[in-house]
PDB file of N, CA and C in Angstrom:
ATOM      1  N   MET A   1     144.711  82.680  78.232  1.00  0.00           N
ATOM      2  CA  MET A   1     143.826  83.691  78.127  1.00  0.00           C
ATOM      3  C   MET A   1     142.890  83.603  76.807  1.00  0.00           C
ATOM      4  N   ARG A   2     143.643  83.554  75.573  1.00  0.00           N
ATOM      5  CA  ARG A   2     143.155  83.485  74.305  1.00  0.00           C
ATOM      6  C   ARG A   2     142.113  82.229  74.166  1.00  0.00           C
ATOM      7  N   MET A   3     142.114  81.192  75.039  1.00  0.00           N
ATOM      8  CA  MET A   3     141.289  79.979  75.003  1.00  0.00           C
ATOM      9  C   MET A   3     139.986  80.359  75.655  1.00  0.00           C
ATOM     10  N   GLY A   4     140.165  81.279  76.736  1.00  0.00           N
ATOM     11  CA  GLY A   4     138.757  81.741  77.698  1.00  0.00           C
ATOM     12  C   GLY A   4     138.002  82.865  76.917  1.00  0.00           C
ATOM     13  N   ARG A   5     138.669  83.562  75.939  1.00  0.00           N
ATOM     14  CA  ARG A   5     137.891  84.310  75.071  1.00  0.00           C
ATOM     15  C   ARG A   5     137.054  83.690  74.112  1.00  0.00           C
ATOM     16  N   THR A   6     137.926  82.908  73.363  1.00  0.00           N
ATOM     17  CA  THR A   6     137.376  81.832  72.470  1.00  0.00           C
ATOM     18  C   THR A   6     136.275  81.203  72.961  1.00  0.00           C
ATOM     19  N   LEU A   7     136.254  80.595  74.296  1.00  0.00           N
ATOM     20  CA  LEU A   7     135.140  79.893  74.501  1.00  0.00           C
ATOM     21  C   LEU A   7     134.195  80.782  74.844  1.00  0.00           C
ATOM     22  N   GLY A   8     134.527  82.173  75.791  1.00  0.00           N
ATOM     23  CA  GLY A   8     133.260  83.060  76.050  1.00  0.00           C
ATOM     24  C   GLY A   8     132.456  83.486  74.895  1.00  0.00           C
ATOM     25  N   LEU A   9     133.253  83.665  73.839  1.00  0.00           N
ATOM     26  CA  LEU A   9     132.656  84.221  72.447  1.00  0.00           C
ATOM     27  C   LEU A   9     131.806  83.042  71.881  1.00  0.00           C
ATOM     28  N   ALA A  10     132.134  81.825  72.051  1.00  0.00           N
ATOM     29  CA  ALA A  10     131.388  80.751  71.596  1.00  0.00           C
ATOM     30  C   ALA A  10     130.271  80.539  72.423  1.00  0.00           C
ATOM     31  N   LEU A  11     130.295  80.668  73.658  1.00  0.00           N
ATOM     32  CA  LEU A  11     128.837  80.763  74.656  1.00  0.00           C
ATOM     33  C   LEU A  11     128.232  81.624  74.392  1.00  0.00           C
ATOM     34  N   ALA A  12     128.605  82.727  74.139  1.00  0.00           N
ATOM     35  CA  ALA A  12     127.915  84.186  74.001  1.00  0.00           C
ATOM     36  C   ALA A  12     126.926  83.775  72.628  1.00  0.00           C
ATOM     37  N   ALA A  13     127.672  83.378  71.524  1.00  0.00           N
ATOM     38  CA  ALA A  13     126.986  83.296  70.297  1.00  0.00           C
ATOM     39  C   ALA A  13     126.007  82.060  70.096  1.00  0.00           C
ATOM     40  N   ALA A  14     126.220  81.142  70.929  1.00  0.00           N
ATOM     41  CA  ALA A  14     125.173  79.782  71.239  1.00  0.00           C
ATOM     42  C   ALA A  14     124.070  80.218  71.928  1.00  0.00           C
ATOM     43  N   ILE A  15     124.186  81.178  72.973  1.00  0.00           N
ATOM     44  CA  ILE A  15     123.347  81.732  73.752  1.00  0.00           C
ATOM     45  C   ILE A  15     122.151  82.476  72.766  1.00  0.00           C
ATOM     46  N   LEU A  16     122.784  83.727  72.072  1.00  0.00           N
ATOM     47  CA  LEU A  16     121.896  84.501  71.383  1.00  0.00           C
ATOM     48  C   LEU A  16     121.044  83.679  70.358  1.00  0.00           C
ATOM     49  N   VAL A  17     121.805  82.619  69.654  1.00  0.00           N
ATOM     50  CA  VAL A  17     121.091  81.792  68.662  1.00  0.00           C
ATOM     51  C   VAL A  17     119.992  81.165  69.309  1.00  0.00           C
ATOM     52  N   GLY A  18     120.046  80.302  70.363  1.00  0.00           N
ATOM     53  CA  GLY A  18     119.049  79.609  71.371  1.00  0.00           C
ATOM     54  C   GLY A  18     117.973  80.767  71.669  1.00  0.00           C
ATOM     55  N   MET A  19     118.337  82.134  71.920  1.00  0.00           N
ATOM     56  CA  MET A  19     117.341  83.139  72.218  1.00  0.00           C
ATOM     57  C   MET A  19     116.481  83.638  70.962  1.00  0.00           C
ATOM     58  N   SER A  20     117.186  83.602  69.815  1.00  0.00           N
ATOM     59  CA  SER A  20     116.448  83.936  68.533  1.00  0.00           C
ATOM     60  C   SER A  20     115.293  82.625  68.287  1.00  0.00           C
ATOM     61  N   ALA A  21     115.922  81.356  68.423  1.00  0.00           N
ATOM     62  CA  ALA A  21     115.111  80.261  68.054  1.00  0.00           C
ATOM     63  C   ALA A  21     113.925  80.240  68.986  1.00  0.00           C
ATOM     64  N   VAL A  22     113.966  80.677  70.260  1.00  0.00           N
ATOM     65  CA  VAL A  22     112.972  80.861  71.306  1.00  0.00           C
ATOM     66  C   VAL A  22     111.872  81.578  70.989  1.00  0.00           C
ATOM     67  N   SER A  23     112.351  83.023  70.523  1.00  0.00           N
ATOM     68  CA  SER A  23     111.421  83.856  70.055  1.00  0.00           C
ATOM     69  C   SER A  23     110.954  84.135  68.998  1.00  0.00           C
ATOM     70  N   ALA A  24     111.251  83.079  67.983  1.00  0.00           N
ATOM     71  CA  ALA A  24     110.997  83.105  66.785  1.00  0.00           C
ATOM     72  C   ALA A  24     109.650  82.206  66.909  1.00  0.00           C
ATOM     73  N   GLN A  25     109.925  80.986  67.689  1.00  0.00           N
ATOM     74  CA  GLN A  25     108.838  80.037  67.952  1.00  0.00           C
ATOM     75  C   GLN A  25     107.384  80.393  68.600  1.00  0.00           C
ATOM     76  N   SER A  26     107.971  81.449  69.736  1.00  0.00           N
ATOM     77  CA  SER A  26     106.560  81.955  70.424  1.00  0.00           C
ATOM     78  C   SER A  26     105.929  83.030  69.469  1.00  0.00           C
ATOM     79  N   ALA A  27     106.689  83.759  68.739  1.00  0.00           N
ATOM     80  CA  ALA A  27     106.108  84.698  67.572  1.00  0.00           C
ATOM     81  C   ALA A  27     105.157  83.864  66.336  1.00  0.00           C
ATOM     82  N   SER A  28     105.432  82.912  66.457  1.00  0.00           N
ATOM     83  CA  SER A  28     104.799  81.981  65.307  1.00  0.00           C
ATOM     84  C   SER A  28     103.604  80.907  65.660  1.00  0.00           C
ATOM     85  N   SER A  29     103.340  81.095  66.947  1.00  0.00           N
ATOM     86  CA  SER A  29     102.310  80.058  67.552  1.00  0.00           C
ATOM     87  C   SER A  29     100.824  80.485  67.093  1.00  0.00           C
ATOM     88  N   PRO A  30     100.491  79.408  66.442  1.00  0.00           N
ATOM     89  CA  PRO A  30      98.891  79.708  65.525  1.00  0.00           C
ATOM     90  C   PRO A  30      97.842  79.904  66.294  1.00  0.00           C
ATOM     91  N   ASN A  31      96.976  80.507  66.080  1.00  0.00           N
ATOM     92  CA  ASN A  31      95.755  80.965  66.987  1.00  0.00           C
ATOM     93  C   ASN A  31      94.814  79.746  66.589  1.00  0.00           C
ATOM     94  N   ILE A  32      93.732  79.465  67.224  1.00  0.00           N
ATOM     95  CA  ILE A  32      93.063  78.317  67.150  1.00  0.00           C
ATOM     96  C   ILE A  32      91.417  78.702  67.656  1.00  0.00           C
ATOM     97  N   THR A  33      90.676  77.962  67.188  1.00  0.00           N
ATOM     98  CA  THR A  33      89.067  78.484  67.122  1.00  0.00           C
ATOM     99  C   THR A  33      88.753  77.833  68.554  1.00  0.00           C
ATOM    100  N   ARG A  34      87.481  78.491  69.046  1.00  0.00           N
ATOM    101  CA  ARG A  34      86.861  77.624  70.385  1.00  0.00           C
ATOM    102  C   ARG A  34      86.641  76.307  70.180  1.00  0.00           C
ATOM    103  N   ASP A  35      86.161  76.283  69.192  1.00  0.00           N
ATOM    104  CA  ASP A  35      85.934  74.559  68.802  1.00  0.00           C
ATOM    105  C   ASP A  35      87.129  73.729  68.811  1.00  0.00           C
ATOM    106  N   GLU A  36      88.110  74.187  68.597  1.00  0.00           N
ATOM    107  CA  GLU A  36      89.352  73.438  68.523  1.00  0.00           C
ATOM    108  C   GLU A  36      89.977  73.268  70.019  1.00  0.00           C
ATOM    109  N   CYS A  37      89.748  74.391  70.480  1.00  0.00           N
ATOM    110  CA  CYS A  37      90.093  74.452  71.864  1.00  0.00           C
ATOM    111  C   CYS A  37      89.351  73.338  72.843  1.00  0.00           C
ATOM    112  N   THR A  38      88.178  73.420  72.914  1.00  0.00           N
ATOM    113  CA  THR A  38      87.517  72.398  73.585  1.00  0.00           C
ATOM    114  C   THR A  38      87.717  71.099  73.191  1.00  0.00           C
ATOM    115  N   ALA A  39      87.733  70.888  71.925  1.00  0.00           N
ATOM    116  CA  ALA A  39      87.807  69.451  71.108  1.00  0.00           C
ATOM    117  C   ALA A  39      89.419  68.856  71.644  1.00  0.00           C
ATOM    118  N   THR A  40      90.254  69.658  72.052  1.00  0.00           N
ATOM    119  CA  THR A  40      91.639  69.203  72.623  1.00  0.00           C
ATOM    120  C   THR A  40      91.793  69.100  74.284  1.00  0.00           C
ATOM    121  N   GLY A  41      90.695  69.454  74.785  1.00  0.00           N
ATOM    122  CA  GLY A  41      90.662  69.440  76.132  1.00  0.00           C
ATOM    123  C   GLY A  41      90.927  70.855  76.756  1.00  0.00           C
ATOM    124  N   GLY A  42      91.111  71.570  76.317  1.00  0.00           N
ATOM    125  CA  GLY A  42      91.204  72.978  76.699  1.00  0.00           C
ATOM    126  C   GLY A  42      90.079  73.966  77.102  1.00  0.00           C
ATOM    127  N   GLN A  43      90.482  75.018  77.907  1.00  0.00           N
ATOM    128  CA  GLN A  43      89.329  75.741  78.533  1.00  0.00           C
ATOM    129  C   GLN A  43      89.393  77.466  78.043  1.00  0.00           C
ATOM    130  N   VAL A  44      88.464  77.721  77.687  1.00  0.00           N
ATOM    131  CA  VAL A  44      88.264  78.913  76.855  1.00  0.00           C
ATOM    132  C   VAL A  44      88.250  79.936  78.144  1.00  0.00           C
ATOM    133  N   THR A  45      89.335  80.939  78.120  1.00  0.00           N
ATOM    134  CA  THR A  45      89.337  81.934  79.252  1.00  0.00           C
ATOM    135  C   THR A  45      89.106  83.450  78.653  1.00  0.00           C
ATOM    136  N   SER A  46      88.598  84.426  79.558  1.00  0.00           N
ATOM    137  CA  SER A  46      88.813  85.599  79.168  1.00  0.00           C
ATOM    138  C   SER A  46      89.964  86.476  79.589  1.00  0.00           C
ATOM    139  N   ARG A  47      90.529  87.190  78.407  1.00  0.00           N
ATOM    140  CA  ARG A  47      91.485  88.082  79.100  1.00  0.00           C
ATOM    141  C   ARG A  47      90.983  89.366  78.949  1.00  0.00           C
ATOM    142  N   PRO A  48      91.107  90.295  80.082  1.00  0.00           N
ATOM    143  CA  PRO A  48      90.834  91.793  79.782  1.00  0.00           C
ATOM    144  C   PRO A  48      91.769  92.560  79.280  1.00  0.00           C
ATOM    145  N   TYR A  49      91.000  93.247  77.972  1.00  0.00           N
ATOM    146  CA  TYR A  49      91.575  94.196  77.102  1.00  0.00           C
ATOM    147  C   TYR A  49      92.155  93.087  75.994  1.00  0.00           C
ATOM    148  N   ALA A  50      92.148  91.736  76.019  1.00  0.00           N
ATOM    149  CA  ALA A  50      92.802  90.952  75.193  1.00  0.00           C
ATOM    150  C   ALA A  50      92.192  90.008  74.533  1.00  0.00           C
ATOM    151  N   GLY A  51      91.066  89.970  74.796  1.00  0.00           N
ATOM    152  CA  GLY A  51      89.899  88.977  74.358  1.00  0.00           C
ATOM    153  C   GLY A  51      89.983  87.705  74.944  1.00  0.00           C
ATOM    154  N   TYR A  52      90.039  86.461  74.364  1.00  0.00           N
ATOM    155  CA  TYR A  52      89.879  85.129  74.707  1.00  0.00           C
ATOM    156  C   TYR A  52      91.162  84.225  74.249  1.00  0.00           C
ATOM    157  N   SER A  53      91.368  83.518  75.426  1.00  0.00           N
ATOM    158  CA  SER A  53      92.558  82.683  75.094  1.00  0.00           C
ATOM    159  C   SER A  53      91.994  81.013  75.327  1.00  0.00           C
ATOM    160  N   CYS A  54      92.909  80.374  74.806  1.00  0.00           N
ATOM    161  CA  CYS A  54      92.629  78.774  75.096  1.00  0.00           C
ATOM    162  C   CYS A  54      93.527  78.221  76.265  1.00  0.00           C
ATOM    163  N   SER A  55      93.064  77.680  77.363  1.00  0.00           N
ATOM    164  CA  SER A  55      94.274  77.324  78.549  1.00  0.00           C
ATOM    165  C   SER A  55      94.411  75.794  78.126  1.00  0.00           C
ATOM    166  N   LEU A  56      95.654  75.323  77.490  1.00  0.00           N
ATOM    167  CA  LEU A  56      95.614  73.925  76.856  1.00  0.00           C
ATOM    168  C   LEU A  56      95.908  72.778  78.196  1.00  0.00           C
ATOM    169  N   PRO A  57      95.600  71.525  78.095  1.00  0.00           N
ATOM    170  CA  PRO A  57      96.044  70.752  79.363  1.00  0.00           C
ATOM    171  C   PRO A  57      97.496  70.477  79.433  1.00  0.00           C
ATOM    172  N   ASP A  58      98.666  70.943  78.697  1.00  0.00           N
ATOM    173  CA  ASP A  58      99.614  70.987  78.943  1.00  0.00           C
ATOM    174  C   ASP A  58     100.286  72.199  79.383  1.00  0.00           C
ATOM    175  N   GLY A  59      99.429  73.066  79.635  1.00  0.00           N
ATOM    176  CA  GLY A  59      99.970  74.406  80.423  1.00  0.00           C
ATOM    177  C   GLY A  59     100.067  75.407  79.848  1.00  0.00           C
ATOM    178  N   THR A  60      99.912  75.763  78.302  1.00  0.00           N
ATOM    179  CA  THR A  60     100.371  76.463  77.297  1.00  0.00           C
ATOM    180  C   THR A  60      98.962  76.993  77.021  1.00  0.00           C
ATOM    181  N   THR A  61      99.016  78.479  76.756  1.00  0.00           N
ATOM    182  CA  THR A  61      97.762  79.171  76.365  1.00  0.00           C
ATOM    183  C   THR A  61      98.084  79.939  74.861  1.00  0.00           C
ATOM    184  N   GLN A  62      97.040  79.872  74.380  1.00  0.00           N
ATOM    185  CA  GLN A  62      97.115  80.070  72.813  1.00  0.00           C
ATOM    186  C   GLN A  62      95.635  81.182  72.806  1.00  0.00           C
ATOM    187  N   PRO A  63      95.939  82.218  71.949  1.00  0.00           N
ATOM    188  CA  PRO A  63      94.983  83.236  71.621  1.00  0.00           C
ATOM    189  C   PRO A  63      93.984  82.416  70.810  1.00  0.00           C
ATOM    190  N   ILE A  64      92.541  82.994  71.003  1.00  0.00           N
ATOM    191  CA  ILE A  64      91.491  82.208  70.255  1.00  0.00           C
ATOM    192  C   ILE A  64      91.203  83.213  68.912  1.00  0.00           C
ATOM    193  N   THR A  65      90.918  82.964  67.691  1.00  0.00           N
ATOM    194  CA  THR A  65      90.410  83.667  66.859  1.00  0.00           C
ATOM    195  C   THR A  65      89.017  83.929  66.643  1.00  0.00           C
TER     196      THR A  65
END
């Protein structure tokens, strides 16, 4: 019983650490310019009420400054 609790707490801590790392990474994604977007093979798209974004070939999207 004690071993199960210890493993559960360790698993919960690992999940929280992983989630905070993912949110920190997404919060710090850099903005790019239109020229940089097209130079990397991306496509500039308009988002309603949010300005423009760059859809990159790897499937990610970044806001344009």
